[in-house]
């Protein structure tokens, strides 16, 4: 049985990861980080909050995709 990941949740988690990476590069830019998080919240307000399980599924999918482990990738179904 495949786990379902909504495309919009996938996009949201990817953007969260980008903000986290950016924050690590520029840890003192709190105002910009806050602005980016608010933009993210506004853009994805229809799906936020994302449950820990949903986020973990997306991260598992992304990690397996990056590792080219398609056996694990095939356990997920991306839907609209």
N, C-alpha and C. Protein backbone atom coordinates (compact mmCIF):
# COMPACT_ATOMS: atom_id res chain seq x y z
N UNK A 1 0.84 -1.18 0.00
CA UNK A 1 0.00 0.00 0.00
C UNK A 1 0.88 1.25 0.00
N UNK A 2 0.56 2.17 -0.90
CA UNK A 2 1.36 3.38 -1.04
C UNK A 2 0.86 4.47 -0.10
N UNK A 3 1.82 5.26 0.40
CA UNK A 3 1.47 6.42 1.20
C UNK A 3 1.24 7.58 0.24
N UNK A 4 0.20 8.35 0.51
CA UNK A 4 -0.17 9.46 -0.36
C UNK A 4 0.45 10.75 0.16
N UNK A 5 1.09 11.48 -0.74
CA UNK A 5 1.65 12.79 -0.43
C UNK A 5 1.00 13.78 -1.39
N UNK A 6 0.38 14.80 -0.85
CA UNK A 6 -0.21 15.83 -1.70
C UNK A 6 0.91 16.73 -2.24
N UNK A 7 0.76 17.09 -3.50
CA UNK A 7 1.77 17.90 -4.16
C UNK A 7 2.02 19.21 -3.42
N UNK A 8 0.97 19.82 -2.93
CA UNK A 8 1.11 21.10 -2.24
C UNK A 8 1.87 20.94 -0.92
N UNK A 9 1.67 19.82 -0.23
CA UNK A 9 2.42 19.54 1.01
C UNK A 9 3.89 19.35 0.67
N UNK A 10 4.16 18.64 -0.41
CA UNK A 10 5.52 18.42 -0.87
C UNK A 10 6.21 19.75 -1.15
N UNK A 11 5.54 20.63 -1.87
CA UNK A 11 6.09 21.94 -2.19
C UNK A 11 6.34 22.76 -0.93
N UNK A 12 5.42 22.71 0.01
CA UNK A 12 5.55 23.46 1.25
C UNK A 12 6.76 22.99 2.05
N UNK A 13 6.93 21.70 2.19
CA UNK A 13 8.07 21.17 2.95
C UNK A 13 9.38 21.50 2.26
N UNK A 14 9.41 21.45 0.94
CA UNK A 14 10.61 21.82 0.20
C UNK A 14 10.96 23.28 0.48
N UNK A 15 9.97 24.14 0.45
CA UNK A 15 10.23 25.56 0.74
C UNK A 15 10.67 25.77 2.18
N UNK A 16 10.09 25.01 3.12
CA UNK A 16 10.53 25.09 4.51
C UNK A 16 12.00 24.70 4.63
N UNK A 17 12.38 23.66 3.92
CA UNK A 17 13.77 23.20 3.95
C UNK A 17 14.72 24.26 3.39
N UNK A 18 14.29 24.93 2.32
CA UNK A 18 15.12 25.99 1.74
C UNK A 18 15.30 27.13 2.73
N UNK A 19 14.23 27.49 3.43
CA UNK A 19 14.31 28.56 4.43
C UNK A 19 15.25 28.14 5.56
N UNK A 20 15.16 26.88 5.99
CA UNK A 20 16.03 26.39 7.05
C UNK A 20 17.50 26.42 6.62
N UNK A 21 17.78 26.02 5.39
CA UNK A 21 19.14 26.06 4.87
C UNK A 21 19.64 27.49 4.78
N UNK A 22 18.80 28.37 4.31
CA UNK A 22 19.16 29.78 4.20
C UNK A 22 19.44 30.36 5.59
N UNK A 23 18.64 29.96 6.56
CA UNK A 23 18.81 30.46 7.94
C UNK A 23 20.13 30.00 8.53
N UNK A 24 20.58 28.82 8.15
CA UNK A 24 21.88 28.33 8.63
C UNK A 24 23.02 29.15 8.05
N UNK A 25 22.85 29.60 6.81
CA UNK A 25 23.89 30.41 6.17
C UNK A 25 23.94 31.82 6.74
N UNK A 26 22.77 32.36 7.10
CA UNK A 26 22.66 33.72 7.61
C UNK A 26 21.88 33.73 8.92
N UNK A 27 22.47 33.21 9.99
CA UNK A 27 21.72 33.06 11.24
C UNK A 27 21.30 34.37 11.90
N UNK A 28 21.91 35.47 11.55
CA UNK A 28 21.59 36.75 12.20
C UNK A 28 20.50 37.54 11.48
N UNK A 29 20.07 37.07 10.33
CA UNK A 29 19.02 37.76 9.57
C UNK A 29 17.64 37.31 10.02
N UNK A 30 17.33 37.57 11.27
CA UNK A 30 16.07 37.12 11.84
C UNK A 30 14.87 37.76 11.15
N UNK A 31 14.96 39.05 10.81
CA UNK A 31 13.83 39.75 10.17
C UNK A 31 13.49 39.14 8.81
N UNK A 32 14.50 38.84 8.04
CA UNK A 32 14.26 38.26 6.71
C UNK A 32 13.70 36.84 6.86
N UNK A 33 14.24 36.09 7.81
CA UNK A 33 13.74 34.73 8.04
C UNK A 33 12.27 34.77 8.44
N UNK A 34 11.94 35.67 9.34
CA UNK A 34 10.55 35.82 9.78
C UNK A 34 9.65 36.20 8.61
N UNK A 35 10.11 37.10 7.76
CA UNK A 35 9.32 37.51 6.59
C UNK A 35 9.10 36.33 5.65
N UNK A 36 10.14 35.53 5.44
CA UNK A 36 10.01 34.36 4.56
C UNK A 36 9.04 33.34 5.14
N UNK A 37 9.10 33.13 6.45
CA UNK A 37 8.18 32.19 7.09
C UNK A 37 6.74 32.68 7.01
N UNK A 38 6.54 33.98 7.16
CA UNK A 38 5.19 34.54 7.03
C UNK A 38 4.66 34.41 5.61
N UNK A 39 5.53 34.62 4.62
CA UNK A 39 5.14 34.42 3.22
C UNK A 39 4.74 32.97 2.98
N UNK A 40 5.53 32.06 3.52
CA UNK A 40 5.23 30.64 3.38
C UNK A 40 3.89 30.30 4.01
N UNK A 41 3.65 30.83 5.19
CA UNK A 41 2.39 30.57 5.89
C UNK A 41 1.21 31.12 5.11
N UNK A 42 1.38 32.29 4.53
CA UNK A 42 0.30 32.88 3.73
C UNK A 42 0.04 32.08 2.46
N UNK A 43 1.11 31.63 1.82
CA UNK A 43 0.98 30.88 0.57
C UNK A 43 0.32 29.52 0.78
N UNK A 44 0.62 28.87 1.92
CA UNK A 44 0.12 27.52 2.17
C UNK A 44 -0.84 27.48 3.35
N UNK A 45 -1.58 28.55 3.57
CA UNK A 45 -2.48 28.60 4.73
C UNK A 45 -3.59 27.56 4.68
N UNK A 46 -3.89 27.04 3.51
CA UNK A 46 -4.95 26.04 3.41
C UNK A 46 -4.50 24.64 3.85
N UNK A 47 -3.19 24.41 3.96
CA UNK A 47 -2.72 23.09 4.40
C UNK A 47 -1.94 23.14 5.71
N UNK A 48 -1.62 24.33 6.17
CA UNK A 48 -0.88 24.47 7.43
C UNK A 48 -1.87 24.42 8.57
N UNK A 49 -1.65 23.71 9.64
CA UNK A 49 -0.41 23.03 9.99
C UNK A 49 -0.28 21.67 9.33
N UNK A 50 0.93 21.34 9.00
CA UNK A 50 1.25 20.03 8.43
C UNK A 50 1.62 19.12 9.60
N UNK A 51 1.03 17.96 9.64
CA UNK A 51 1.31 17.04 10.75
C UNK A 51 2.75 16.52 10.66
N UNK A 52 3.26 16.07 11.79
CA UNK A 52 4.61 15.52 11.83
C UNK A 52 4.73 14.29 10.92
N UNK A 53 3.67 13.51 10.87
CA UNK A 53 3.68 12.31 10.01
C UNK A 53 3.76 12.70 8.53
N UNK A 54 2.98 13.71 8.14
CA UNK A 54 3.02 14.17 6.75
C UNK A 54 4.41 14.69 6.39
N UNK A 55 4.99 15.48 7.29
CA UNK A 55 6.31 16.04 7.04
C UNK A 55 7.35 14.93 6.96
N UNK A 56 7.25 13.94 7.84
CA UNK A 56 8.20 12.83 7.83
C UNK A 56 8.09 12.02 6.53
N UNK A 57 6.88 11.82 6.04
CA UNK A 57 6.69 11.12 4.77
C UNK A 57 7.36 11.87 3.63
N UNK A 58 7.17 13.18 3.61
CA UNK A 58 7.78 13.99 2.55
C UNK A 58 9.30 13.94 2.65
N UNK A 59 9.83 14.07 3.86
CA UNK A 59 11.29 14.02 4.02
C UNK A 59 11.85 12.66 3.64
N UNK A 60 11.14 11.60 3.97
CA UNK A 60 11.57 10.25 3.56
C UNK A 60 11.59 10.14 2.04
N UNK A 61 10.54 10.66 1.42
CA UNK A 61 10.47 10.63 -0.05
C UNK A 61 11.63 11.43 -0.66
N UNK A 62 11.85 12.63 -0.16
CA UNK A 62 12.92 13.48 -0.71
C UNK A 62 14.30 12.87 -0.49
N UNK A 63 14.53 12.32 0.69
CA UNK A 63 15.83 11.69 0.97
C UNK A 63 16.06 10.49 0.07
N UNK A 64 15.04 9.69 -0.14
CA UNK A 64 15.20 8.53 -1.01
C UNK A 64 15.36 8.95 -2.47
N UNK A 65 14.71 10.04 -2.84
CA UNK A 65 14.86 10.56 -4.20
C UNK A 65 16.28 11.07 -4.42
N UNK A 66 16.81 11.79 -3.44
CA UNK A 66 18.19 12.29 -3.53
C UNK A 66 19.20 11.16 -3.55
N UNK A 67 18.91 10.09 -2.84
CA UNK A 67 19.80 8.94 -2.80
C UNK A 67 19.58 7.99 -3.98
N UNK A 68 18.63 8.34 -4.82
CA UNK A 68 18.25 7.53 -5.98
C UNK A 68 17.82 6.12 -5.56
N UNK A 69 17.14 6.06 -4.43
CA UNK A 69 16.59 4.80 -3.93
C UNK A 69 15.13 4.72 -4.38
N UNK A 70 14.95 4.29 -5.60
CA UNK A 70 13.62 4.33 -6.21
C UNK A 70 12.68 3.27 -5.64
N UNK A 71 13.23 2.28 -4.98
CA UNK A 71 12.38 1.29 -4.33
C UNK A 71 11.56 1.95 -3.22
N UNK A 72 12.19 2.82 -2.45
CA UNK A 72 11.47 3.55 -1.41
C UNK A 72 10.57 4.61 -2.03
N UNK A 73 11.05 5.29 -3.06
CA UNK A 73 10.23 6.31 -3.75
C UNK A 73 8.92 5.72 -4.24
N UNK A 74 8.96 4.49 -4.70
CA UNK A 74 7.76 3.85 -5.23
C UNK A 74 6.73 3.53 -4.16
N UNK A 75 7.11 3.67 -2.90
CA UNK A 75 6.16 3.45 -1.81
C UNK A 75 5.24 4.64 -1.59
N UNK A 76 5.53 5.74 -2.30
CA UNK A 76 4.76 6.98 -2.16
C UNK A 76 4.04 7.31 -3.47
N UNK A 77 2.89 7.95 -3.32
CA UNK A 77 2.11 8.39 -4.46
C UNK A 77 1.88 9.89 -4.30
N UNK A 78 2.34 10.66 -5.28
CA UNK A 78 2.18 12.11 -5.25
C UNK A 78 0.88 12.45 -6.00
N UNK A 79 -0.03 13.16 -5.30
CA UNK A 79 -1.31 13.51 -5.90
C UNK A 79 -1.53 15.02 -5.83
N UNK A 80 -2.51 15.47 -6.61
CA UNK A 80 -2.87 16.89 -6.55
C UNK A 80 -3.72 17.10 -5.38
